[in-house]
Amino acid sequence: MQWIIERVKNNDKAYYPNFVLLGDLNLDFNNPKNDRITVEKSMKSYDKDGSEETDPAKQINVNFPFLDIHPDPDQTEVFKTNARLDETFDQIGLFFRDSSKNWPTYKNNINMGTRETGPDYGVFNFVELFRDALGVKAPIDKMSPTKKENFYARFEHKVSDHMPLWLRLSLPID
C-alpha cells in the first residue's frame, strides 16, 4: 500500500494518478470488533483528511468501502467475503487525488447505493446460489454446524472460497 500511496502522491512517478487495489489482503480479524476498527483507522489515516501532508498537490484520498457497513438497512455488519461468511479477507481500495465526484471518499460510503447511477459496492453471494442449485431449503444461517459443514463440503474444493466483490463508480462528467 505504501508503494501505491507514494505513486499517487508523486504523480511524476506514476503513469496514472489514480489506483484501484483489488484482492485478498488477508485481513483476518481474530477479534473482529477491535481488529476491524484498528485496520480501518490505519487505512483512513492515509486519507488527506488524516494525513500530515501539507502540499495540496500530494494530498490523496484513500477509501476501502468494504471496511464500512453498507448503508442498506438489511446490512448490519461489514460484508463477509469468504464462502463460510465468517471472514473479510478481500478488499477493494481506492487511492486517488482526483477530487471530482467520480471517486467516492470514505465519507461518501454512508451514501453508497442510494442513487441508481451513483457509486455502490457489494459481494456476489454465490453460496446462496449453490444452496438453491443443490435444492437445500434451509437458509445457511439456520443450519446446524454439522449441516453447514456437509453443505460446504459439497463444493469447497471445487471453487474458490472467496466470493467476488464488485464496485460501481459514477461515470465521468465532462
Protein backbone atom coordinates (compact mmCIF):
# COMPACT_ATOMS: atom_id res chain seq x y z
CA MET A 1 0.00 0.00 0.00
CA GLN A 2 2.83 2.36 0.77
CA TRP A 3 4.14 1.92 -2.77
CA ILE A 4 0.73 2.86 -4.23
CA ILE A 5 0.41 5.84 -1.90
CA GLU A 6 3.82 7.15 -2.93
CA ARG A 7 2.91 6.78 -6.62
CA VAL A 8 -0.33 8.69 -6.14
CA LYS A 9 1.39 11.42 -4.10
CA ASN A 10 4.25 11.82 -6.59
CA ASN A 11 2.47 11.89 -9.92
CA ASP A 12 5.79 12.26 -11.75
CA LYS A 13 6.50 8.61 -10.84
CA ALA A 14 3.09 7.31 -11.95
CA TYR A 15 1.56 6.85 -15.37
CA TYR A 16 -1.90 7.40 -13.90
CA PRO A 17 -2.91 9.49 -10.88
CA ASN A 18 -5.49 7.03 -9.52
CA PHE A 19 -5.17 3.41 -8.41
CA VAL A 20 -7.64 0.67 -7.54
CA LEU A 21 -6.32 -2.16 -5.36
CA LEU A 22 -8.28 -5.42 -5.60
CA GLY A 23 -7.75 -8.70 -3.89
CA ASP A 24 -7.20 -10.85 -0.89
CA LEU A 25 -5.45 -8.58 1.62
CA ASN A 26 -5.56 -11.31 4.29
CA LEU A 27 -7.40 -9.07 6.72
CA ASP A 28 -8.01 -11.83 9.22
CA PHE A 29 -9.81 -10.34 12.18
CA ASN A 30 -9.16 -12.63 15.17
CA ASN A 31 -11.08 -10.15 17.28
CA PRO A 32 -13.45 -8.66 14.66
CA LYS A 33 -14.67 -5.67 16.67
CA ASN A 34 -11.23 -4.42 17.71
CA ASP A 35 -9.23 -5.63 14.70
CA ARG A 36 -11.59 -4.07 12.15
CA ILE A 37 -11.52 -0.72 13.96
CA THR A 38 -7.70 -0.79 14.11
CA VAL A 39 -7.36 -1.66 10.40
CA GLU A 40 -10.00 0.90 9.43
CA LYS A 41 -8.23 3.63 11.42
CA SER A 42 -4.92 2.72 9.81
CA MET A 43 -6.35 2.77 6.27
CA LYS A 44 -8.15 6.06 6.83
CA SER A 45 -5.02 7.65 8.28
CA TYR A 46 -3.58 7.72 4.75
CA ASP A 47 -6.50 9.84 3.57
CA LYS A 48 -5.88 13.55 3.03
CA ASP A 49 -8.17 14.40 5.96
CA GLY A 50 -5.98 12.42 8.34
CA SER A 51 -2.60 12.83 6.71
CA GLU A 52 0.16 15.19 7.72
CA GLU A 53 0.87 16.02 4.06
CA THR A 54 0.72 19.81 3.66
CA ASP A 55 1.33 20.04 -0.09
CA PRO A 56 -2.20 20.04 -1.65
CA ALA A 57 -0.78 18.59 -4.87
CA LYS A 58 0.33 15.49 -2.95
CA GLN A 59 -2.72 15.02 -0.76
CA ILE A 60 -4.55 11.82 -1.56
CA ASN A 61 -7.87 10.18 -0.82
CA VAL A 62 -7.89 6.58 0.35
CA ASN A 63 -11.12 4.61 0.55
CA PHE A 64 -11.71 0.96 1.45
CA PRO A 65 -15.52 0.81 1.30
CA PHE A 66 -15.65 -2.82 2.47
CA LEU A 67 -14.34 -1.74 5.88
CA ASP A 68 -17.63 0.14 6.43
CA ILE A 69 -21.08 -1.31 6.90
CA HIS A 70 -23.04 -0.84 3.67
CA PRO A 71 -25.92 1.63 4.21
CA ASP A 72 -28.57 -0.87 3.04
CA PRO A 73 -30.97 -1.19 6.01
CA ASP A 74 -30.72 -5.01 5.84
CA GLN A 75 -26.92 -4.91 6.19
CA THR A 76 -25.97 -4.87 9.87
CA GLU A 77 -22.25 -5.72 9.64
CA VAL A 78 -19.41 -5.45 7.13
CA PHE A 79 -19.66 -7.81 4.17
CA LYS A 80 -18.09 -11.20 4.75
CA THR A 81 -16.10 -12.16 1.67
CA ASN A 82 -15.49 -15.87 2.08
CA ALA A 83 -17.89 -18.73 1.35
CA ARG A 84 -18.33 -19.55 5.03
CA LEU A 85 -19.38 -15.93 5.64
CA ASP A 86 -17.09 -15.51 8.63
CA GLU A 87 -14.05 -13.57 7.29
CA THR A 88 -13.33 -10.31 5.49
CA PHE A 89 -10.08 -11.14 3.71
CA ASP A 90 -10.92 -9.48 0.39
CA GLN A 91 -10.98 -5.74 -0.19
CA ILE A 92 -11.17 -3.04 -2.82
CA GLY A 93 -9.06 0.04 -2.13
CA LEU A 94 -9.28 3.36 -3.97
CA PHE A 95 -6.27 5.71 -3.99
CA PHE A 96 -6.80 9.00 -5.81
CA ARG A 97 -6.08 12.70 -5.92
CA ASP A 98 -8.95 13.48 -8.28
CA SER A 99 -11.45 15.40 -6.17
CA SER A 100 -14.32 15.06 -8.66
CA LYS A 101 -17.49 13.27 -7.65
CA ASN A 102 -16.48 10.22 -9.69
CA TRP A 103 -14.32 8.83 -6.89
CA PRO A 104 -16.09 8.27 -3.56
CA THR A 105 -14.19 9.17 -0.40
CA TYR A 106 -14.69 7.11 2.73
CA LYS A 107 -17.02 9.84 3.98
CA ASN A 108 -19.27 9.09 0.98
CA ASN A 109 -19.62 5.42 1.94
CA ILE A 110 -22.70 6.18 4.04
CA ASN A 111 -24.47 7.18 0.79
CA MET A 112 -23.34 4.24 -1.33
CA GLY A 113 -26.15 2.58 -3.24
CA THR A 114 -28.64 5.37 -2.57
CA ARG A 115 -28.67 6.50 -6.20
CA GLU A 116 -29.12 4.17 -9.15
CA THR A 117 -26.27 5.83 -11.07
CA GLY A 118 -24.03 6.63 -8.12
CA PRO A 119 -21.26 4.60 -6.53
CA ASP A 120 -22.07 1.34 -4.81
CA TYR A 121 -20.37 -1.89 -3.73
CA GLY A 122 -21.22 -5.40 -2.67
CA VAL A 123 -20.48 -9.11 -2.77
CA PHE A 124 -21.80 -11.74 -5.19
CA ASN A 125 -23.00 -14.33 -2.72
CA PHE A 126 -22.58 -17.48 -4.80
CA VAL A 127 -23.11 -19.61 -1.69
CA GLU A 128 -26.82 -18.77 -1.78
CA LEU A 129 -26.86 -19.69 -5.49
CA PHE A 130 -25.26 -23.05 -4.65
CA ARG A 131 -27.80 -23.58 -1.88
CA ASP A 132 -30.62 -23.02 -4.36
CA ALA A 133 -28.98 -25.16 -7.07
CA LEU A 134 -28.43 -28.03 -4.64
CA GLY A 135 -32.06 -27.87 -3.54
CA VAL A 136 -31.20 -27.12 0.08
CA LYS A 137 -34.24 -25.50 1.66
CA ALA A 138 -32.86 -24.24 4.98
CA PRO A 139 -31.14 -20.84 4.99
CA ILE A 140 -27.44 -21.21 5.74
CA ASP A 141 -27.62 -19.16 8.94
CA LYS A 142 -30.33 -21.52 10.27
CA MET A 143 -28.37 -24.75 9.62
CA SER A 144 -26.75 -26.68 12.43
CA PRO A 145 -22.92 -26.67 12.44
CA THR A 146 -22.88 -30.26 11.11
CA LYS A 147 -25.29 -29.47 8.27
CA LYS A 148 -23.24 -26.38 7.39
CA GLU A 149 -20.04 -28.46 7.21
CA ASN A 150 -21.74 -31.03 4.98
CA PHE A 151 -23.13 -28.27 2.77
CA TYR A 152 -19.74 -26.55 2.31
CA ALA A 153 -18.03 -29.90 1.71
CA ARG A 154 -20.13 -30.36 -1.43
CA PHE A 155 -18.27 -27.56 -3.24
CA GLU A 156 -15.42 -26.20 -1.10
CA HIS A 157 -12.59 -27.84 -3.10
CA LYS A 158 -14.20 -27.26 -6.49
CA VAL A 159 -14.49 -23.46 -6.45
CA SER A 160 -12.72 -20.61 -4.72
CA ASP A 161 -13.80 -19.88 -1.17
CA HIS A 162 -13.55 -16.14 -1.93
CA MET A 163 -16.74 -14.51 -3.13
CA PRO A 164 -16.37 -11.93 -5.91
CA LEU A 165 -16.55 -8.30 -4.82
CA TRP A 166 -17.94 -5.56 -7.02
CA LEU A 167 -17.64 -1.79 -7.08
CA ARG A 168 -19.62 0.63 -9.20
CA LEU A 169 -18.19 4.12 -9.75
CA SER A 170 -20.02 7.09 -11.22
CA LEU A 171 -19.36 7.80 -14.87
CA PRO A 172 -17.02 10.73 -15.53
CA ILE A 173 -18.80 14.02 -16.02
CA ASP A 174 -17.38 16.46 -18.57
